Protein backbone atom coordinates (compact mmCIF):
# COMPACT_ATOMS: atom_id res chain seq x y z
CA LYS A 1 -35.43 -46.50 11.50
CA ARG A 2 -38.36 -48.50 12.80
CA LEU A 3 -37.28 -52.13 12.79
CA THR A 4 -39.48 -55.12 13.46
CA SER A 5 -37.95 -58.47 14.31
CA SER A 6 -39.00 -61.58 12.43
CA ARG A 7 -38.61 -63.51 15.68
CA GLU A 8 -40.98 -63.53 18.62
CA GLY A 9 -39.90 -62.93 22.20
CA ASP A 10 -37.44 -60.58 23.81
CA GLY A 11 -33.95 -59.85 22.54
CA ASP A 12 -30.75 -59.16 24.46
CA ILE A 13 -29.26 -55.70 24.17
CA GLU A 14 -25.73 -54.93 25.29
CA HIS A 15 -24.31 -51.42 25.43
CA ILE A 16 -20.60 -51.13 24.64
CA HIS A 17 -19.15 -47.73 25.55
CA CYS A 18 -15.79 -46.71 24.06
CA PRO A 19 -13.71 -43.50 24.28
CA THR A 20 -13.24 -43.11 20.49
CA SER A 21 -14.96 -44.17 17.28
CA GLU A 22 -11.92 -46.28 16.35
CA ALA A 23 -12.11 -48.14 19.65
CA GLU A 24 -15.84 -48.59 19.16
CA ALA A 25 -15.35 -50.11 15.68
CA ASP A 26 -12.68 -52.47 16.99
CA ALA A 27 -14.89 -53.50 19.91
CA VAL A 28 -17.73 -54.33 17.51
CA ALA A 29 -15.41 -56.39 15.30
CA LYS A 30 -14.03 -58.22 18.35
CA LYS A 31 -17.57 -58.93 19.59
CA ILE A 32 -18.46 -60.53 16.26
CA VAL A 33 -15.34 -62.69 16.30
CA ASP A 34 -16.07 -63.75 19.90
CA ILE A 35 -19.64 -64.73 19.01
CA ARG A 36 -18.43 -66.73 16.04
CA GLN A 37 -15.92 -68.57 18.21
CA SER A 38 -18.50 -69.39 20.87
CA HIS A 39 -21.18 -70.31 18.32
CA PRO A 40 -19.55 -72.32 15.49
CA ASP A 41 -22.86 -72.56 13.65
CA ALA A 42 -23.10 -68.77 13.30
CA ALA A 43 -22.50 -67.50 9.75
CA TRP A 44 -20.97 -64.15 8.81
CA ASN A 45 -24.25 -63.05 7.26
CA ASP A 46 -26.01 -63.55 10.59
CA PHE A 47 -24.55 -60.18 11.58
CA GLY A 48 -25.48 -56.70 10.44
CA ILE A 49 -24.35 -53.19 11.35
CA LEU A 50 -26.30 -49.95 10.99
CA VAL A 51 -24.41 -46.66 10.74
CA ARG A 52 -25.64 -43.08 10.69
CA SER A 53 -23.82 -42.15 7.49
CA ASN A 54 -21.46 -43.62 4.89
CA ASP A 55 -18.52 -41.81 6.49
CA SER A 56 -19.27 -43.49 9.82
CA ALA A 57 -18.61 -46.87 8.22
CA SER A 58 -14.93 -46.27 7.42
CA GLY A 59 -13.74 -47.19 10.92
CA VAL A 60 -15.75 -50.40 10.89
CA VAL A 61 -14.37 -51.30 7.45
CA ALA A 62 -10.81 -50.84 8.74
CA ALA A 63 -11.54 -52.90 11.86
CA PHE A 64 -13.02 -55.72 9.80
CA GLU A 65 -10.01 -55.74 7.49
CA ARG A 66 -7.61 -55.97 10.43
CA ARG A 67 -9.47 -59.01 11.73
CA ASN A 68 -10.05 -60.57 8.28
CA ILE A 69 -13.83 -60.37 8.62
CA PRO A 70 -15.60 -60.60 5.22
CA PHE A 71 -18.18 -57.89 4.62
CA GLN A 72 -20.28 -55.97 2.15
CA PHE A 73 -21.29 -52.32 2.45
CA LEU A 74 -24.62 -51.72 0.76
CA ALA A 75 -24.72 -47.94 1.02
CA LEU A 76 -22.57 -47.43 -2.07
CA SER A 77 -23.97 -50.21 -4.20
CA GLY A 78 -25.62 -47.79 -6.59
CA LEU A 79 -22.31 -46.08 -7.30
CA TYR A 80 -20.72 -49.28 -8.58
CA THR A 81 -23.46 -49.80 -11.14
CA LYS A 82 -22.91 -46.43 -12.83
CA PRO A 83 -21.45 -46.58 -16.36
CA VAL A 84 -18.54 -44.25 -15.56
CA ILE A 85 -17.49 -46.41 -12.62
CA LEU A 86 -17.82 -49.61 -14.63
CA ASP A 87 -15.71 -48.01 -17.37
CA LEU A 88 -12.93 -47.03 -14.97
CA GLN A 89 -13.05 -50.37 -13.21
CA ALA A 90 -12.50 -51.99 -16.63
CA TYR A 91 -9.51 -49.68 -17.22
CA MET A 92 -8.06 -50.62 -13.83
CA ARG A 93 -8.43 -54.34 -14.44
CA VAL A 94 -6.79 -54.11 -17.85
CA ILE A 95 -3.91 -52.08 -16.45
CA ASP A 96 -3.41 -54.75 -13.80
CA ASN A 97 -3.99 -57.66 -16.17
CA PRO A 98 -4.07 -56.94 -19.92
CA HIS A 99 -5.39 -60.46 -20.61
CA ASP A 100 -8.68 -59.69 -18.84
CA SER A 101 -10.65 -59.90 -22.09
CA PRO A 102 -14.10 -58.78 -20.82
CA SER A 103 -12.58 -55.64 -19.31
CA LEU A 104 -10.53 -54.90 -22.42
CA TYR A 105 -13.63 -55.37 -24.56
CA ARG A 106 -15.46 -52.71 -22.51
CA VAL A 107 -12.51 -50.33 -22.88
CA LEU A 108 -12.24 -50.83 -26.65
CA THR A 109 -15.96 -50.24 -27.17
CA LEU A 110 -15.98 -46.85 -25.43
CA PRO A 111 -17.22 -44.23 -27.92
CA MET A 112 -14.25 -41.94 -27.35
CA HIS A 113 -11.86 -44.42 -29.00
CA ASN A 114 -13.85 -44.46 -32.25
CA ILE A 115 -12.97 -48.10 -32.92
CA PRO A 116 -15.43 -49.55 -35.46
CA THR A 117 -17.64 -52.32 -34.16
CA VAL A 118 -16.61 -54.54 -37.06
CA ALA A 119 -12.98 -54.32 -35.95
CA ILE A 120 -13.78 -55.37 -32.38
CA VAL A 121 -15.96 -58.22 -33.65
CA GLU A 122 -13.16 -59.46 -35.90
CA LEU A 123 -10.64 -59.32 -33.06
CA THR A 124 -13.01 -61.10 -30.70
CA HIS A 125 -13.73 -63.88 -33.19
CA PHE A 126 -10.04 -64.37 -33.88
CA ALA A 127 -9.26 -64.58 -30.16
CA SER A 128 -12.02 -67.17 -29.71
CA ARG A 129 -10.90 -69.30 -32.68
CA LYS A 130 -7.23 -69.30 -31.67
CA GLY A 131 -7.76 -69.59 -27.92
CA LYS A 132 -6.06 -66.25 -27.40
CA SER A 133 -6.92 -63.34 -25.14
CA LEU A 134 -8.36 -60.23 -26.73
CA PHE A 135 -5.12 -58.47 -25.80
CA ASP A 136 -3.09 -61.01 -27.78
CA ALA A 137 -5.45 -60.58 -30.72
CA CYS A 138 -4.92 -56.81 -30.64
CA ARG A 139 -1.15 -57.22 -30.65
CA MET A 140 -1.32 -59.66 -33.58
CA MET A 141 -3.89 -57.75 -35.63
CA ARG A 142 -1.52 -56.65 -38.40
CA GLY A 143 -0.72 -60.25 -39.18
CA PHE A 144 -4.24 -61.50 -39.71
CA THR A 145 -6.75 -58.68 -40.07
CA GLU A 146 -7.79 -56.38 -42.86
CA LEU A 147 -8.61 -53.52 -40.50
CA ASP A 148 -8.13 -50.05 -41.90
CA GLU A 149 -5.29 -47.90 -40.65
CA ASN A 150 -7.52 -45.71 -38.50
CA ALA A 151 -8.87 -48.68 -36.56
CA GLN A 152 -5.38 -50.11 -36.08
CA ALA A 153 -4.07 -46.73 -34.93
CA ALA A 154 -6.91 -46.34 -32.42
CA ILE A 155 -6.28 -49.80 -30.96
CA ASP A 156 -2.54 -49.13 -30.80
CA HIS A 157 -3.26 -45.88 -28.96
CA VAL A 158 -5.31 -47.69 -26.32
CA LEU A 159 -2.64 -50.37 -25.79
CA THR A 160 0.14 -47.77 -25.58
CA ASN A 161 -1.73 -45.80 -22.92
CA MET A 162 -2.36 -48.98 -20.95
CA ALA A 163 1.32 -49.95 -21.10
CA LYS A 164 2.40 -46.54 -19.77
CA LEU A 165 -0.09 -46.71 -16.91
CA ARG A 166 0.96 -50.28 -16.14
CA GLU A 167 4.51 -49.06 -15.54
CA SER A 168 3.20 -46.75 -12.81
CA ALA A 169 0.66 -49.11 -11.29
CA SER A 170 3.00 -50.90 -8.88
CA THR A 171 4.59 -47.76 -7.44
CA ARG A 172 2.09 -44.90 -7.54
CA LYS A 173 -0.61 -44.56 -4.95
CA MET A 174 -4.15 -45.16 -6.13
CA CYS A 175 -5.33 -41.54 -6.02
CA GLU A 176 -2.48 -40.42 -8.24
CA LEU A 177 -2.91 -43.36 -10.60
CA PHE A 178 -6.65 -42.74 -10.80
CA VAL A 179 -6.13 -39.12 -11.87
CA MET A 180 -3.49 -40.16 -14.41
CA MET A 181 -5.76 -42.85 -15.81
CA ALA A 182 -8.80 -40.57 -16.12
CA LYS A 183 -6.81 -37.84 -17.88
CA ASP A 184 -4.24 -39.75 -19.96
CA THR A 185 -6.81 -42.09 -21.51
CA GLY A 186 -8.98 -39.15 -22.52
CA TYR A 187 -11.82 -40.27 -20.27
CA VAL A 188 -12.27 -36.90 -18.56
CA GLU A 189 -12.44 -35.21 -21.95
CA TYR A 190 -15.03 -37.78 -23.05
CA VAL A 191 -17.20 -37.20 -19.97
CA ASN A 192 -16.91 -33.46 -20.51
CA SER A 193 -18.43 -33.89 -23.98
CA LEU A 194 -21.60 -35.55 -22.68
CA PRO A 195 -24.95 -33.70 -22.43
CA GLU A 196 -25.09 -31.40 -19.41
CA GLN A 197 -27.18 -33.53 -17.06
CA GLU A 198 -25.30 -36.73 -17.87
CA ARG A 199 -21.99 -34.87 -17.61
CA ASN A 200 -22.79 -33.45 -14.17
CA GLU A 201 -23.97 -36.80 -12.84
CA SER A 202 -20.90 -38.57 -14.23
CA PHE A 203 -18.49 -36.11 -12.62
CA ARG A 204 -20.38 -36.45 -9.35
CA HIS A 205 -19.98 -40.23 -9.50
CA LEU A 206 -16.29 -39.88 -10.33
CA GLN A 207 -15.81 -37.64 -7.30
CA GLN A 208 -17.57 -40.19 -5.08
CA PHE A 209 -15.34 -42.93 -6.46
CA TYR A 210 -12.27 -40.78 -5.83
CA GLU A 211 -13.34 -40.37 -2.20
CA ARG A 212 -13.67 -44.14 -1.98
CA ILE A 213 -10.10 -44.47 -3.25
CA LYS A 214 -8.87 -41.86 -0.73
CA GLY A 215 -10.41 -43.91 2.06
CA PHE A 216 -8.57 -46.97 0.78
CA GLU A 217 -5.27 -45.05 0.79
CA GLU A 218 -5.78 -43.86 4.34
CA ARG A 219 -6.22 -47.33 5.78
CA HIS A 220 -3.85 -49.39 3.62
CA ASP A 221 -0.09 -49.70 4.12
CA HIS A 222 0.57 -50.23 0.41
CA PRO A 223 -2.24 -48.44 -1.47
CA VAL A 224 -1.46 -49.51 -5.04
CA LEU A 225 -3.72 -50.78 -7.81
CA ARG A 226 -3.33 -54.50 -7.17
CA ASN A 227 -4.33 -54.17 -3.52
CA PHE A 228 -7.23 -51.89 -4.39
CA LEU A 229 -8.60 -54.39 -6.89
CA GLU A 230 -8.33 -57.17 -4.33
CA GLU A 231 -10.51 -55.13 -1.99
CA PHE A 232 -12.80 -53.76 -4.70
CA THR A 233 -16.34 -55.05 -4.49
CA PRO A 234 -19.80 -53.58 -5.06
CA LEU A 235 -20.36 -53.13 -1.34
CA ASP A 236 -23.80 -52.98 0.11
CA ILE A 237 -24.29 -54.33 3.60
CA PHE A 238 -21.90 -55.40 6.24
CA LEU A 239 -21.06 -59.03 6.47
CA SER A 240 -21.83 -61.54 3.82
């Protein structure tokens, strides 16, 4: 890359040589911490790191996490804007917290569930009027709605699947839970029904997301859903 500084004058370049990539990543993280300590006015977003490839960033991510350095990783930002990833993120958040109404709304409106729009609108309005979460509204629907049996059955099916996955969320590692979630909810079957180009792109994005989850497992002592969601962010550039 040809980079041009916005500042005039010469810059200082320091070469840090390390025996391994892990040691190199830790040395970089330590250098940033040292600069911050010696220059209290320095902000985290005054720093930036360039890597040769996405894979090269994993060691730096782990080093930053060990030293509690906040960061963003811009290379994968596009992945986290893809519909399939947003869908599965919504599933994850609902499994972790069923009262996350925006995430549950996204799940309920997925075409594969065949829940009529009018049913979701009625549930949403009821939740708003009563100060309830969308999840509470779904559980109470038989007491206040005139939804047809098919709509009620579809909503019940979604909630039942979520409850089963929630039972596994605190004990199963993220890779295993991710596979269970994608299959048991019918999401893989739904993606497989898409037009060829969209289907191929969606599966490619799912594979990339799975690799992201594998990386999380490799560097985390307790790689379960709650910890993954705490780390989850649309990463784009180091340090923000």
